[in-house]
């Protein structure tokens, strides 16, 4: 059975994540003692501005994610990341023009089976996943494990327009029920690349650890649905760009060294 591209990418990244977590942890007492090798678990939040073809569909969006990295004793960094994309600035809303009313309302309404006017709300949904590699250049920090971080990655980007009915249900608004919405949501996905540069800080006390980077994503996506309003499916490869600022809180995993006991 043929696996969907998004599921295939997700399975690969889950496998790599498990491998990163089980990598050996170097037995230093902490980052202040020397350059250490350790797994770094980092939840993050980003604000992203669209560019390229994506600017015609969405405005600014947010992204919450998780990054699993391993920093080596030579300050090389390898890892995987995943983001959930969301936003309420949708510019492309004309796909429903043929099934809504045309009156003095700015957006028009759907008409339900019982004659009720039903409004709808558009939002952005999506996700991205990347395999990353990079380098840490120690500077401006309390130890050799803090400094300028440069990362590059390859992965997968997907986005779509989420359509939600206001004061209506699928049963009484069949022209835009859950199945029909698939023909209007502009689901798109494809290969993507990610670059980031910023600062990584690992404190001597092991508690206050973070990174802050400028983040840039470039995706080459295609529409994956048959568009009902256009009576066709586009084969165009879109150049989708996302750029912005990302902040992540880091949970490092350090191995504790056993205390030595002497008996006489």
C-alpha atoms as a PDB file:
ATOM      1  CA  UNK A   1       0.000   0.000   0.000  1.00  0.00           C
ATOM      2  CA  UNK A   2       1.354   3.419  -0.967  1.00  0.00           C
ATOM      3  CA  UNK A   3       2.040   5.660   2.027  1.00  0.00           C
ATOM      4  CA  UNK A   4       1.174   9.360   1.945  1.00  0.00           C
ATOM      5  CA  UNK A   5       4.243  11.653   1.784  1.00  0.00           C
ATOM      6  CA  UNK A   6       3.357  13.347   5.082  1.00  0.00           C
ATOM      7  CA  UNK A   7       3.073  10.009   6.925  1.00  0.00           C
ATOM      8  CA  UNK A   8       6.313   8.719   5.418  1.00  0.00           C
ATOM      9  CA  UNK A   9       8.209  11.827   6.537  1.00  0.00           C
ATOM     10  CA  UNK A  10       6.662  11.634  10.013  1.00  0.00           C
ATOM     11  CA  UNK A  11       7.649   7.978  10.464  1.00  0.00           C
ATOM     12  CA  UNK A  12      11.245   8.704   9.415  1.00  0.00           C
ATOM     13  CA  UNK A  13      11.522  11.629  11.807  1.00  0.00           C
ATOM     14  CA  UNK A  14      10.077   9.646  14.723  1.00  0.00           C
ATOM     15  CA  UNK A  15      12.683   6.960  14.143  1.00  0.00           C
ATOM     16  CA  UNK A  16      15.510   9.490  14.035  1.00  0.00           C
ATOM     17  CA  UNK A  17      14.186  11.202  17.167  1.00  0.00           C
ATOM     18  CA  UNK A  18      14.325   7.936  19.077  1.00  0.00           C
ATOM     19  CA  UNK A  19      17.923   7.452  17.936  1.00  0.00           C
ATOM     20  CA  UNK A  20      18.945  10.944  19.105  1.00  0.00           C
ATOM     21  CA  UNK A  21      17.471  10.406  22.554  1.00  0.00           C
ATOM     22  CA  UNK A  22      19.435   7.173  23.005  1.00  0.00           C
ATOM     23  CA  UNK A  23      22.815   8.579  21.916  1.00  0.00           C
ATOM     24  CA  UNK A  24      25.497   8.276  24.596  1.00  0.00           C
ATOM     25  CA  UNK A  25      25.680  11.128  27.075  1.00  0.00           C
ATOM     26  CA  UNK A  26      29.163  12.346  27.853  1.00  0.00           C
ATOM     27  CA  UNK A  27      29.970  12.129  31.551  1.00  0.00           C
ATOM     28  CA  UNK A  28      30.934  15.683  32.383  1.00  0.00           C
ATOM     29  CA  UNK A  29      29.455  17.329  35.449  1.00  0.00           C
ATOM     30  CA  UNK A  30      28.073  20.223  33.408  1.00  0.00           C
ATOM     31  CA  UNK A  31      28.744  22.774  30.673  1.00  0.00           C
ATOM     32  CA  UNK A  32      31.099  24.885  32.790  1.00  0.00           C
ATOM     33  CA  UNK A  33      33.710  22.098  32.992  1.00  0.00           C
ATOM     34  CA  UNK A  34      34.418  21.518  29.291  1.00  0.00           C
ATOM     35  CA  UNK A  35      32.833  21.171  25.854  1.00  0.00           C
ATOM     36  CA  UNK A  36      30.171  18.537  26.385  1.00  0.00           C
ATOM     37  CA  UNK A  37      28.130  16.188  24.248  1.00  0.00           C
ATOM     38  CA  UNK A  38      24.490  15.876  25.260  1.00  0.00           C
ATOM     39  CA  UNK A  39      20.903  15.616  23.965  1.00  0.00           C
ATOM     40  CA  UNK A  40      19.008  18.907  23.971  1.00  0.00           C
ATOM     41  CA  UNK A  41      15.203  18.885  24.034  1.00  0.00           C
ATOM     42  CA  UNK A  42      13.662  22.216  23.068  1.00  0.00           C
ATOM     43  CA  UNK A  43      10.023  23.349  22.809  1.00  0.00           C
ATOM     44  CA  UNK A  44       9.837  26.546  20.776  1.00  0.00           C
ATOM     45  CA  UNK A  45       7.567  29.302  19.474  1.00  0.00           C
ATOM     46  CA  UNK A  46       7.990  31.330  16.283  1.00  0.00           C
ATOM     47  CA  UNK A  47       6.319  34.261  14.548  1.00  0.00           C
ATOM     48  CA  UNK A  48       6.581  33.899  10.773  1.00  0.00           C
ATOM     49  CA  UNK A  49       5.924  36.190   7.840  1.00  0.00           C
ATOM     50  CA  UNK A  50       5.051  34.609   4.462  1.00  0.00           C
ATOM     51  CA  UNK A  51       6.868  35.323   1.216  1.00  0.00           C
ATOM     52  CA  UNK A  52       6.960  34.046  -2.332  1.00  0.00           C
ATOM     53  CA  UNK A  53       3.689  32.520  -3.547  1.00  0.00           C
ATOM     54  CA  UNK A  54       2.512  32.000   0.029  1.00  0.00           C
ATOM     55  CA  UNK A  55       2.030  35.728   0.577  1.00  0.00           C
ATOM     56  CA  UNK A  56      -0.994  35.589  -1.760  1.00  0.00           C
ATOM     57  CA  UNK A  57      -2.717  33.072   0.509  1.00  0.00           C
ATOM     58  CA  UNK A  58      -1.804  33.903   4.118  1.00  0.00           C
ATOM     59  CA  UNK A  59      -0.611  36.676   6.402  1.00  0.00           C
ATOM     60  CA  UNK A  60       1.572  36.332   9.490  1.00  0.00           C
ATOM     61  CA  UNK A  61       1.325  33.019  11.360  1.00  0.00           C
ATOM     62  CA  UNK A  62       2.521  31.432  14.571  1.00  0.00           C
ATOM     63  CA  UNK A  63       4.341  28.130  14.977  1.00  0.00           C
ATOM     64  CA  UNK A  64       4.755  25.956  18.052  1.00  0.00           C
ATOM     65  CA  UNK A  65       7.207  23.111  17.825  1.00  0.00           C
ATOM     66  CA  UNK A  66       9.648  20.691  19.354  1.00  0.00           C
ATOM     67  CA  UNK A  67      13.303  20.290  18.422  1.00  0.00           C
ATOM     68  CA  UNK A  68      15.407  17.283  19.446  1.00  0.00           C
ATOM     69  CA  UNK A  69      19.123  17.936  19.021  1.00  0.00           C
ATOM     70  CA  UNK A  70      22.389  16.293  19.939  1.00  0.00           C
ATOM     71  CA  UNK A  71      25.411  18.537  20.513  1.00  0.00           C
ATOM     72  CA  UNK A  72      28.732  16.764  20.178  1.00  0.00           C
ATOM     73  CA  UNK A  73      31.967  17.397  22.099  1.00  0.00           C
ATOM     74  CA  UNK A  74      33.197  19.239  18.998  1.00  0.00           C
ATOM     75  CA  UNK A  75      30.128  21.539  18.988  1.00  0.00           C
ATOM     76  CA  UNK A  76      28.501  19.970  15.957  1.00  0.00           C
ATOM     77  CA  UNK A  77      24.710  19.780  16.187  1.00  0.00           C
ATOM     78  CA  UNK A  78      22.381  17.220  14.600  1.00  0.00           C
ATOM     79  CA  UNK A  79      18.659  16.968  15.169  1.00  0.00           C
ATOM     80  CA  UNK A  80      15.068  16.834  14.037  1.00  0.00           C
ATOM     81  CA  UNK A  81      12.265  19.353  14.446  1.00  0.00           C
ATOM     82  CA  UNK A  82       8.524  19.565  13.992  1.00  0.00           C
ATOM     83  CA  UNK A  83       6.209  22.600  13.955  1.00  0.00           C
ATOM     84  CA  UNK A  84       2.460  23.107  14.001  1.00  0.00           C
ATOM     85  CA  UNK A  85       1.526  26.205  11.964  1.00  0.00           C
ATOM     86  CA  UNK A  86      -1.545  28.313  12.709  1.00  0.00           C
ATOM     87  CA  UNK A  87      -2.947  31.743  11.919  1.00  0.00           C
ATOM     88  CA  UNK A  88      -6.132  33.698  11.243  1.00  0.00           C
ATOM     89  CA  UNK A  89      -4.922  35.917   8.393  1.00  0.00           C
ATOM     90  CA  UNK A  90      -6.283  34.228   5.265  1.00  0.00           C
ATOM     91  CA  UNK A  91      -6.261  36.265   2.057  1.00  0.00           C
ATOM     92  CA  UNK A  92      -7.548  33.661  -0.412  1.00  0.00           C
ATOM     93  CA  UNK A  93     -11.249  33.314   0.374  1.00  0.00           C
ATOM     94  CA  UNK A  94     -12.855  33.624  -3.065  1.00  0.00           C
ATOM     95  CA  UNK A  95     -13.155  29.851  -3.544  1.00  0.00           C
ATOM     96  CA  UNK A  96     -16.614  29.894  -1.903  1.00  0.00           C
ATOM     97  CA  UNK A  97     -18.034  32.709  -4.049  1.00  0.00           C
ATOM     98  CA  UNK A  98     -20.206  30.332  -6.067  1.00  0.00           C
ATOM     99  CA  UNK A  99     -22.002  28.869  -3.024  1.00  0.00           C
ATOM    100  CA  UNK A 100     -22.594  31.974  -0.866  1.00  0.00           C
ATOM    101  CA  UNK A 101     -25.124  34.764  -1.117  1.00  0.00           C
ATOM    102  CA  UNK A 102     -24.225  38.014  -2.843  1.00  0.00           C
ATOM    103  CA  UNK A 103     -25.779  40.923  -1.002  1.00  0.00           C
ATOM    104  CA  UNK A 104     -24.611  43.904   0.994  1.00  0.00           C
ATOM    105  CA  UNK A 105     -22.558  41.648   3.248  1.00  0.00           C
ATOM    106  CA  UNK A 106     -18.824  41.836   2.717  1.00  0.00           C
ATOM    107  CA  UNK A 107     -18.443  38.041   2.691  1.00  0.00           C
ATOM    108  CA  UNK A 108     -21.892  36.661   1.920  1.00  0.00           C
ATOM    109  CA  UNK A 109     -23.483  33.683   3.693  1.00  0.00           C
ATOM    110  CA  UNK A 110     -24.228  30.025   3.119  1.00  0.00           C
ATOM    111  CA  UNK A 111     -27.908  29.034   3.144  1.00  0.00           C
ATOM    112  CA  UNK A 112     -28.717  25.987   5.259  1.00  0.00           C
ATOM    113  CA  UNK A 113     -31.440  23.408   4.581  1.00  0.00           C
ATOM    114  CA  UNK A 114     -33.795  25.232   6.920  1.00  0.00           C
ATOM    115  CA  UNK A 115     -33.173  28.588   5.244  1.00  0.00           C
ATOM    116  CA  UNK A 116     -30.860  29.940   7.919  1.00  0.00           C
ATOM    117  CA  UNK A 117     -27.935  32.138   6.927  1.00  0.00           C
ATOM    118  CA  UNK A 118     -24.663  30.515   8.023  1.00  0.00           C
ATOM    119  CA  UNK A 119     -21.371  32.401   8.198  1.00  0.00           C
ATOM    120  CA  UNK A 120     -17.917  30.822   7.996  1.00  0.00           C
ATOM    121  CA  UNK A 121     -14.474  31.506   9.414  1.00  0.00           C
ATOM    122  CA  UNK A 122     -11.146  30.960   7.631  1.00  0.00           C
ATOM    123  CA  UNK A 123      -7.875  30.123   9.335  1.00  0.00           C
ATOM    124  CA  UNK A 124      -4.458  28.736   8.446  1.00  0.00           C
ATOM    125  CA  UNK A 125      -3.312  25.257   9.467  1.00  0.00           C
ATOM    126  CA  UNK A 126      -0.163  23.335   8.615  1.00  0.00           C
ATOM    127  CA  UNK A 127       2.993  21.666   9.801  1.00  0.00           C
ATOM    128  CA  UNK A 128       6.664  21.337   8.931  1.00  0.00           C
ATOM    129  CA  UNK A 129       9.317  18.770   9.788  1.00  0.00           C
ATOM    130  CA  UNK A 130      13.073  18.921   9.224  1.00  0.00           C
ATOM    131  CA  UNK A 131      16.257  16.935   9.674  1.00  0.00           C
ATOM    132  CA  UNK A 132      18.949  19.429  10.706  1.00  0.00           C
ATOM    133  CA  UNK A 133      22.707  19.738  11.021  1.00  0.00           C
ATOM    134  CA  UNK A 134      24.728  22.694  12.203  1.00  0.00           C
ATOM    135  CA  UNK A 135      27.632  24.104  14.153  1.00  0.00           C
ATOM    136  CA  UNK A 136      28.075  26.057  17.365  1.00  0.00           C
ATOM    137  CA  UNK A 137      30.789  28.751  17.474  1.00  0.00           C
ATOM    138  CA  UNK A 138      31.557  29.529  21.142  1.00  0.00           C
ATOM    139  CA  UNK A 139      31.472  33.240  22.039  1.00  0.00           C
ATOM    140  CA  UNK A 140      29.698  35.743  24.306  1.00  0.00           C
ATOM    141  CA  UNK A 141      28.872  33.134  26.920  1.00  0.00           C
ATOM    142  CA  UNK A 142      29.840  31.716  30.302  1.00  0.00           C
ATOM    143  CA  UNK A 143      31.376  28.558  28.794  1.00  0.00           C
ATOM    144  CA  UNK A 144      32.465  26.825  25.589  1.00  0.00           C
ATOM    145  CA  UNK A 145      28.958  25.428  25.045  1.00  0.00           C
ATOM    146  CA  UNK A 146      27.321  28.790  24.350  1.00  0.00           C
ATOM    147  CA  UNK A 147      27.639  30.954  21.266  1.00  0.00           C
ATOM    148  CA  UNK A 148      26.531  31.572  17.697  1.00  0.00           C
ATOM    149  CA  UNK A 149      24.545  28.647  16.260  1.00  0.00           C
ATOM    150  CA  UNK A 150      24.088  28.024  12.537  1.00  0.00           C
ATOM    151  CA  UNK A 151      21.657  25.329  11.361  1.00  0.00           C
ATOM    152  CA  UNK A 152      20.501  23.996   7.999  1.00  0.00           C
ATOM    153  CA  UNK A 153      17.869  21.377   7.278  1.00  0.00           C
ATOM    154  CA  UNK A 154      15.806  19.517   4.728  1.00  0.00           C
ATOM    155  CA  UNK A 155      12.274  18.290   5.242  1.00  0.00           C
ATOM    156  CA  UNK A 156       8.594  18.711   4.462  1.00  0.00           C
ATOM    157  CA  UNK A 157       6.118  21.618   4.532  1.00  0.00           C
ATOM    158  CA  UNK A 158       2.318  21.387   4.413  1.00  0.00           C
ATOM    159  CA  UNK A 159      -0.386  24.040   4.737  1.00  0.00           C
ATOM    160  CA  UNK A 160      -4.097  24.422   4.078  1.00  0.00           C
ATOM    161  CA  UNK A 161      -7.051  26.754   4.582  1.00  0.00           C
ATOM    162  CA  UNK A 162      -9.237  25.578   7.458  1.00  0.00           C
ATOM    163  CA  UNK A 163     -12.914  26.457   6.965  1.00  0.00           C
ATOM    164  CA  UNK A 164     -15.158  26.489  10.023  1.00  0.00           C
ATOM    165  CA  UNK A 165     -18.907  27.071   9.947  1.00  0.00           C
ATOM    166  CA  UNK A 166     -20.371  29.580  12.415  1.00  0.00           C
ATOM    167  CA  UNK A 167     -23.797  28.663  13.826  1.00  0.00           C
ATOM    168  CA  UNK A 168     -24.156  25.786  11.393  1.00  0.00           C
ATOM    169  CA  UNK A 169     -23.582  22.040  11.147  1.00  0.00           C
ATOM    170  CA  UNK A 170     -22.603  19.594   8.422  1.00  0.00           C
ATOM    171  CA  UNK A 171     -26.106  18.118   8.490  1.00  0.00           C
ATOM    172  CA  UNK A 172     -27.929  21.362   7.680  1.00  0.00           C
ATOM    173  CA  UNK A 173     -25.227  22.866   5.419  1.00  0.00           C
ATOM    174  CA  UNK A 174     -24.414  20.022   2.997  1.00  0.00           C
ATOM    175  CA  UNK A 175     -22.746  22.263   0.399  1.00  0.00           C
ATOM    176  CA  UNK A 176     -19.872  22.726   2.847  1.00  0.00           C
ATOM    177  CA  UNK A 177     -19.879  19.606   4.999  1.00  0.00           C
ATOM    178  CA  UNK A 178     -16.679  17.895   6.104  1.00  0.00           C
ATOM    179  CA  UNK A 179     -16.289  16.007   2.828  1.00  0.00           C
ATOM    180  CA  UNK A 180     -17.060  18.981   0.566  1.00  0.00           C
ATOM    181  CA  UNK A 181     -14.570  21.208   2.370  1.00  0.00           C
ATOM    182  CA  UNK A 182     -11.758  19.037   1.030  1.00  0.00           C
ATOM    183  CA  UNK A 183     -12.418  20.557  -2.375  1.00  0.00           C
ATOM    184  CA  UNK A 184     -11.919  24.100  -1.096  1.00  0.00           C
ATOM    185  CA  UNK A 185      -9.123  23.889   1.505  1.00  0.00           C
ATOM    186  CA  UNK A 186      -6.192  24.331  -0.954  1.00  0.00           C
ATOM    187  CA  UNK A 187      -4.127  21.598   0.744  1.00  0.00           C
ATOM    188  CA  UNK A 188      -0.530  21.942  -0.459  1.00  0.00           C
ATOM    189  CA  UNK A 189       2.711  20.231   0.525  1.00  0.00           C
ATOM    190  CA  UNK A 190       6.181  19.358  -0.689  1.00  0.00           C
ATOM    191  CA  UNK A 191       9.933  19.419  -0.174  1.00  0.00           C
ATOM    192  CA  UNK A 192      11.289  22.224   1.999  1.00  0.00           C
ATOM    193  CA  UNK A 193      14.590  23.628   3.266  1.00  0.00           C
ATOM    194  CA  UNK A 194      15.283  25.465   6.509  1.00  0.00           C
ATOM    195  CA  UNK A 195      18.107  27.743   7.626  1.00  0.00           C
ATOM    196  CA  UNK A 196      18.587  29.394  11.011  1.00  0.00           C
ATOM    197  CA  UNK A 197      21.225  31.567  12.661  1.00  0.00           C
ATOM    198  CA  UNK A 198      21.207  32.880  16.189  1.00  0.00           C
ATOM    199  CA  UNK A 199      22.455  32.389  19.730  1.00  0.00           C
ATOM    200  CA  UNK A 200      22.440  29.283  21.941  1.00  0.00           C
ATOM    201  CA  UNK A 201      22.991  29.623  25.697  1.00  0.00           C
ATOM    202  CA  UNK A 202      23.734  26.751  28.087  1.00  0.00           C
ATOM    203  CA  UNK A 203      24.081  28.009  31.651  1.00  0.00           C
ATOM    204  CA  UNK A 204      26.621  26.734  34.128  1.00  0.00           C
ATOM    205  CA  UNK A 205      23.812  26.025  36.614  1.00  0.00           C
ATOM    206  CA  UNK A 206      22.009  23.797  34.046  1.00  0.00           C
ATOM    207  CA  UNK A 207      18.709  25.648  34.646  1.00  0.00           C
ATOM    208  CA  UNK A 208      18.490  28.682  32.351  1.00  0.00           C
ATOM    209  CA  UNK A 209      19.083  27.377  28.813  1.00  0.00           C
ATOM    210  CA  UNK A 210      17.645  28.770  25.587  1.00  0.00           C
ATOM    211  CA  UNK A 211      18.210  29.646  21.945  1.00  0.00           C
ATOM    212  CA  UNK A 212      16.965  32.542  19.818  1.00  0.00           C
ATOM    213  CA  UNK A 213      17.353  32.491  16.036  1.00  0.00           C
ATOM    214  CA  UNK A 214      16.295  34.113  12.801  1.00  0.00           C
ATOM    215  CA  UNK A 215      14.501  31.338  10.937  1.00  0.00           C
ATOM    216  CA  UNK A 216      13.993  30.935   7.176  1.00  0.00           C
ATOM    217  CA  UNK A 217      11.994  28.206   5.380  1.00  0.00           C
ATOM    218  CA  UNK A 218      11.642  27.741   1.641  1.00  0.00           C
ATOM    219  CA  UNK A 219       9.166  25.132   0.387  1.00  0.00           C
ATOM    220  CA  UNK A 220       8.404  23.816  -3.085  1.00  0.00           C
ATOM    221  CA  UNK A 221       4.798  22.732  -2.744  1.00  0.00           C
ATOM    222  CA  UNK A 222       1.986  21.590  -5.017  1.00  0.00           C
ATOM    223  CA  UNK A 223      -1.792  21.557  -4.584  1.00  0.00           C
ATOM    224  CA  UNK A 224      -2.951  18.072  -3.572  1.00  0.00           C
ATOM    225  CA  UNK A 225      -6.721  18.512  -4.010  1.00  0.00           C
ATOM    226  CA  UNK A 226      -9.119  18.782  -6.916  1.00  0.00           C
ATOM    227  CA  UNK A 227     -10.488  22.329  -6.543  1.00  0.00           C
ATOM    228  CA  UNK A 228     -14.272  22.350  -6.880  1.00  0.00           C
ATOM    229  CA  UNK A 229     -14.487  26.065  -7.645  1.00  0.00           C
ATOM    230  CA  UNK A 230     -11.914  25.799 -10.470  1.00  0.00           C
ATOM    231  CA  UNK A 231     -12.985  22.353 -11.736  1.00  0.00           C
ATOM    232  CA  UNK A 232      -9.309  21.387 -11.925  1.00  0.00           C
ATOM    233  CA  UNK A 233      -6.190  20.497  -9.956  1.00  0.00           C
ATOM    234  CA  UNK A 234      -3.172  22.740 -10.357  1.00  0.00           C
ATOM    235  CA  UNK A 235       0.176  21.182 -11.277  1.00  0.00           C
ATOM    236  CA  UNK A 236       2.100  24.382 -10.534  1.00  0.00           C
ATOM    237  CA  UNK A 237       5.069  24.122  -8.154  1.00  0.00           C
ATOM    238  CA  UNK A 238       4.734  26.963  -5.653  1.00  0.00           C
ATOM    239  CA  UNK A 239       7.693  28.640  -3.993  1.00  0.00           C
ATOM    240  CA  UNK A 240       6.492  29.150  -0.420  1.00  0.00           C
ATOM    241  CA  UNK A 241       8.626  31.192   1.954  1.00  0.00           C
ATOM    242  CA  UNK A 242       8.337  31.632   5.728  1.00  0.00           C
ATOM    243  CA  UNK A 243      10.738  33.795   7.705  1.00  0.00           C
ATOM    244  CA  UNK A 244      10.736  35.153  11.230  1.00  0.00           C
ATOM    245  CA  UNK A 245      12.028  34.923  14.791  1.00  0.00           C
ATOM    246  CA  UNK A 246      12.101  31.749  16.907  1.00  0.00           C
ATOM    247  CA  UNK A 247      12.705  31.304  20.628  1.00  0.00           C
ATOM    248  CA  UNK A 248      13.240  27.933  22.266  1.00  0.00           C
ATOM    249  CA  UNK A 249      13.653  26.802  25.856  1.00  0.00           C
ATOM    250  CA  UNK A 250      16.271  24.035  26.151  1.00  0.00           C
ATOM    251  CA  UNK A 251      16.133  21.033  28.465  1.00  0.00           C
ATOM    252  CA  UNK A 252      19.637  19.498  28.364  1.00  0.00           C
ATOM    253  CA  UNK A 253      20.222  15.942  29.524  1.00  0.00           C
ATOM    254  CA  UNK A 254      23.486  15.649  31.422  1.00  0.00           C
ATOM    255  CA  UNK A 255      24.847  12.464  32.902  1.00  0.00           C
ATOM    256  CA  UNK A 256      25.495  12.617  36.617  1.00  0.00           C
ATOM    257  CA  UNK A 257      28.896  11.387  37.695  1.00  0.00           C
ATOM    258  CA  UNK A 258      28.760   9.071  40.685  1.00  0.00           C
ATOM    259  CA  UNK A 259      30.475  10.292  43.839  1.00  0.00           C
ATOM    260  CA  UNK A 260      33.561   8.352  44.897  1.00  0.00           C
ATOM    261  CA  UNK A 261      33.640   6.672  48.283  1.00  0.00           C
ATOM    262  CA  UNK A 262      36.792   5.501  50.022  1.00  0.00           C
ATOM    263  CA  UNK A 263      37.029   2.870  52.752  1.00  0.00           C
ATOM    264  CA  UNK A 264      40.025   2.063  54.873  1.00  0.00           C
END
